[in-house]
C-alpha atoms as a PDB file:
ATOM      1  CA  UNK A   1      -9.225  -7.747  33.211  1.00  0.00           C
ATOM      2  CA  UNK A   2      -9.078 -10.747  30.714  1.00  0.00           C
ATOM      3  CA  UNK A   3     -11.693 -11.360  27.974  1.00  0.00           C
ATOM      4  CA  UNK A   4     -13.778 -14.282  28.730  1.00  0.00           C
ATOM      5  CA  UNK A   5     -12.757 -17.548  27.331  1.00  0.00           C
ATOM      6  CA  UNK A   6     -14.791 -19.025  24.637  1.00  0.00           C
ATOM      7  CA  UNK A   7     -14.425 -22.605  23.431  1.00  0.00           C
ATOM      8  CA  UNK A   8     -15.446 -21.497  19.861  1.00  0.00           C
ATOM      9  CA  UNK A   9     -12.538 -19.091  19.766  1.00  0.00           C
ATOM     10  CA  UNK A  10     -10.239 -21.810  21.035  1.00  0.00           C
ATOM     11  CA  UNK A  11     -11.562 -24.251  18.282  1.00  0.00           C
ATOM     12  CA  UNK A  12     -11.076 -21.381  15.716  1.00  0.00           C
ATOM     13  CA  UNK A  13      -7.463 -20.911  16.944  1.00  0.00           C
ATOM     14  CA  UNK A  14      -6.749 -24.684  16.420  1.00  0.00           C
ATOM     15  CA  UNK A  15      -8.409 -24.837  12.942  1.00  0.00           C
ATOM     16  CA  UNK A  16      -6.231 -21.705  11.978  1.00  0.00           C
ATOM     17  CA  UNK A  17      -3.136 -23.227  13.130  1.00  0.00           C
ATOM     18  CA  UNK A  18      -3.954 -26.510  11.382  1.00  0.00           C
ATOM     19  CA  UNK A  19      -4.903 -24.805   8.159  1.00  0.00           C
ATOM     20  CA  UNK A  20      -1.745 -22.731   8.199  1.00  0.00           C
ATOM     21  CA  UNK A  21       0.185 -25.805   8.459  1.00  0.00           C
ATOM     22  CA  UNK A  22      -1.853 -27.410   5.608  1.00  0.00           C
ATOM     23  CA  UNK A  23      -1.239 -24.459   3.269  1.00  0.00           C
ATOM     24  CA  UNK A  24       2.495 -24.786   3.876  1.00  0.00           C
ATOM     25  CA  UNK A  25       2.486 -28.471   2.837  1.00  0.00           C
ATOM     26  CA  UNK A  26       0.182 -28.292  -0.051  1.00  0.00           C
ATOM     27  CA  UNK A  27       3.063 -28.210  -2.622  1.00  0.00           C
ATOM     28  CA  UNK A  28       4.339 -31.524  -1.357  1.00  0.00           C
ATOM     29  CA  UNK A  29       1.178 -33.343  -1.888  1.00  0.00           C
ATOM     30  CA  UNK A  30      -0.097 -35.114  -5.091  1.00  0.00           C
ATOM     31  CA  UNK A  31      -2.707 -33.388  -6.996  1.00  0.00           C
ATOM     32  CA  UNK A  32      -6.033 -35.279  -5.836  1.00  0.00           C
ATOM     33  CA  UNK A  33      -4.845 -35.005  -2.153  1.00  0.00           C
ATOM     34  CA  UNK A  34      -3.911 -31.350  -2.466  1.00  0.00           C
ATOM     35  CA  UNK A  35      -7.408 -30.378  -3.985  1.00  0.00           C
ATOM     36  CA  UNK A  36      -9.068 -32.193  -1.079  1.00  0.00           C
ATOM     37  CA  UNK A  37      -6.948 -30.457   1.414  1.00  0.00           C
ATOM     38  CA  UNK A  38      -7.611 -27.088   0.006  1.00  0.00           C
ATOM     39  CA  UNK A  39     -11.094 -27.619  -0.429  1.00  0.00           C
ATOM     40  CA  UNK A  40     -11.216 -28.542   3.437  1.00  0.00           C
ATOM     41  CA  UNK A  41      -9.194 -25.464   4.418  1.00  0.00           C
ATOM     42  CA  UNK A  42     -11.293 -23.202   2.261  1.00  0.00           C
ATOM     43  CA  UNK A  43     -14.513 -24.393   3.832  1.00  0.00           C
ATOM     44  CA  UNK A  44     -13.609 -25.129   7.428  1.00  0.00           C
ATOM     45  CA  UNK A  45     -11.927 -21.906   8.508  1.00  0.00           C
ATOM     46  CA  UNK A  46     -14.837 -19.665   7.469  1.00  0.00           C
ATOM     47  CA  UNK A  47     -17.336 -22.238   8.881  1.00  0.00           C
ATOM     48  CA  UNK A  48     -15.508 -22.094  12.225  1.00  0.00           C
ATOM     49  CA  UNK A  49     -15.352 -18.321  12.159  1.00  0.00           C
ATOM     50  CA  UNK A  50     -19.004 -17.880  11.712  1.00  0.00           C
ATOM     51  CA  UNK A  51     -19.733 -20.172  14.523  1.00  0.00           C
ATOM     52  CA  UNK A  52     -17.142 -18.512  16.796  1.00  0.00           C
ATOM     53  CA  UNK A  53     -18.776 -15.112  15.641  1.00  0.00           C
ATOM     54  CA  UNK A  54     -22.127 -16.456  16.967  1.00  0.00           C
ATOM     55  CA  UNK A  55     -20.725 -17.349  20.263  1.00  0.00           C
ATOM     56  CA  UNK A  56     -18.053 -14.810  21.155  1.00  0.00           C
ATOM     57  CA  UNK A  57     -18.760 -12.028  18.771  1.00  0.00           C
ATOM     58  CA  UNK A  58     -17.211 -10.522  15.647  1.00  0.00           C
ATOM     59  CA  UNK A  59     -14.551  -8.615  17.428  1.00  0.00           C
ATOM     60  CA  UNK A  60     -13.207 -11.650  19.152  1.00  0.00           C
ATOM     61  CA  UNK A  61     -13.311 -13.467  15.787  1.00  0.00           C
ATOM     62  CA  UNK A  62     -11.253 -10.604  14.027  1.00  0.00           C
ATOM     63  CA  UNK A  63      -8.807 -10.446  16.793  1.00  0.00           C
ATOM     64  CA  UNK A  64      -8.081 -14.071  16.458  1.00  0.00           C
ATOM     65  CA  UNK A  65      -7.929 -13.923  12.607  1.00  0.00           C
ATOM     66  CA  UNK A  66      -5.414 -10.955  12.798  1.00  0.00           C
ATOM     67  CA  UNK A  67      -3.395 -12.738  15.387  1.00  0.00           C
ATOM     68  CA  UNK A  68      -2.996 -15.657  13.221  1.00  0.00           C
ATOM     69  CA  UNK A  69      -2.219 -13.471  10.053  1.00  0.00           C
ATOM     70  CA  UNK A  70       0.546 -11.941  11.974  1.00  0.00           C
ATOM     71  CA  UNK A  71       2.257 -15.157  12.991  1.00  0.00           C
ATOM     72  CA  UNK A  72       4.739 -16.187  10.277  1.00  0.00           C
ATOM     73  CA  UNK A  73       4.011 -13.030   8.461  1.00  0.00           C
ATOM     74  CA  UNK A  74       8.042 -12.866   8.230  1.00  0.00           C
ATOM     75  CA  UNK A  75       8.336 -16.283   6.933  1.00  0.00           C
ATOM     76  CA  UNK A  76       9.583 -16.358   3.547  1.00  0.00           C
ATOM     77  CA  UNK A  77       9.496 -20.203   3.185  1.00  0.00           C
ATOM     78  CA  UNK A  78       6.058 -20.103   1.539  1.00  0.00           C
ATOM     79  CA  UNK A  79       5.504 -19.758  -2.230  1.00  0.00           C
ATOM     80  CA  UNK A  80       3.365 -16.904  -3.425  1.00  0.00           C
ATOM     81  CA  UNK A  81       0.535 -19.296  -4.202  1.00  0.00           C
ATOM     82  CA  UNK A  82       0.631 -20.510  -0.630  1.00  0.00           C
ATOM     83  CA  UNK A  83       0.416 -16.924   0.757  1.00  0.00           C
ATOM     84  CA  UNK A  84      -2.497 -15.879  -1.823  1.00  0.00           C
ATOM     85  CA  UNK A  85      -4.355 -19.056  -0.584  1.00  0.00           C
ATOM     86  CA  UNK A  86      -3.700 -18.064   3.154  1.00  0.00           C
ATOM     87  CA  UNK A  87      -4.741 -14.537   2.488  1.00  0.00           C
ATOM     88  CA  UNK A  88      -7.905 -15.656   0.748  1.00  0.00           C
ATOM     89  CA  UNK A  89      -8.802 -18.057   3.679  1.00  0.00           C
ATOM     90  CA  UNK A  90      -8.227 -15.298   6.316  1.00  0.00           C
ATOM     91  CA  UNK A  91     -10.362 -12.918   4.208  1.00  0.00           C
ATOM     92  CA  UNK A  92     -13.203 -15.439   3.952  1.00  0.00           C
ATOM     93  CA  UNK A  93     -12.971 -15.970   7.606  1.00  0.00           C
ATOM     94  CA  UNK A  94     -13.480 -12.355   8.356  1.00  0.00           C
ATOM     95  CA  UNK A  95     -16.314 -12.166   6.020  1.00  0.00           C
ATOM     96  CA  UNK A  96     -18.026 -15.199   7.365  1.00  0.00           C
ATOM     97  CA  UNK A  97     -17.751 -13.388  10.892  1.00  0.00           C
ATOM     98  CA  UNK A  98     -19.126 -10.236   9.597  1.00  0.00           C
ATOM     99  CA  UNK A  99     -22.034 -12.051   7.880  1.00  0.00           C
ATOM    100  CA  UNK A 100     -23.116 -13.444  11.259  1.00  0.00           C
ATOM    101  CA  UNK A 101     -23.311  -9.933  12.584  1.00  0.00           C
ATOM    102  CA  UNK A 102     -25.015  -8.443   9.651  1.00  0.00           C
ATOM    103  CA  UNK A 103     -27.456 -11.298  10.125  1.00  0.00           C
ATOM    104  CA  UNK A 104     -28.359 -10.223  13.619  1.00  0.00           C
ATOM    105  CA  UNK A 105     -29.744  -6.874  12.591  1.00  0.00           C
ATOM    106  CA  UNK A 106     -32.700  -6.035  10.523  1.00  0.00           C
ATOM    107  CA  UNK A 107     -32.548  -4.804   6.775  1.00  0.00           C
ATOM    108  CA  UNK A 108     -32.499  -1.271   8.042  1.00  0.00           C
ATOM    109  CA  UNK A 109     -29.875  -1.805  10.494  1.00  0.00           C
ATOM    110  CA  UNK A 110     -31.899  -0.487  13.297  1.00  0.00           C
ATOM    111  CA  UNK A 111     -33.100  -3.238  15.531  1.00  0.00           C
ATOM    112  CA  UNK A 112     -31.276  -6.423  16.734  1.00  0.00           C
ATOM    113  CA  UNK A 113     -32.914  -9.690  15.692  1.00  0.00           C
ATOM    114  CA  UNK A 114     -33.722 -11.761  18.667  1.00  0.00           C
ATOM    115  CA  UNK A 115     -32.969 -15.497  18.276  1.00  0.00           C
END
């Protein structure tokens, strides 16, 4: 049986693909443009991960981020700085998904918070 499709996971997947391509091309951009693209990547991916976590659950987001991380893992065309940025973006996406999950429980972790 297949897991239900969630539009938020599809949006996250598209953002991850676009962000990965952006990270690969950062070195080719002039400084001001590079800074703007990097800032957008650093904010957009975690934002969508958090939104997807609300809709589809943390597990679905973690699976999608891990899938994205494994794609191109053997690609040695990226610089160390590009890989470091990509790793940071993926880590913050996972943190955003976990934060949504944590926000759904009370401080003691006993009861789900209803919305």
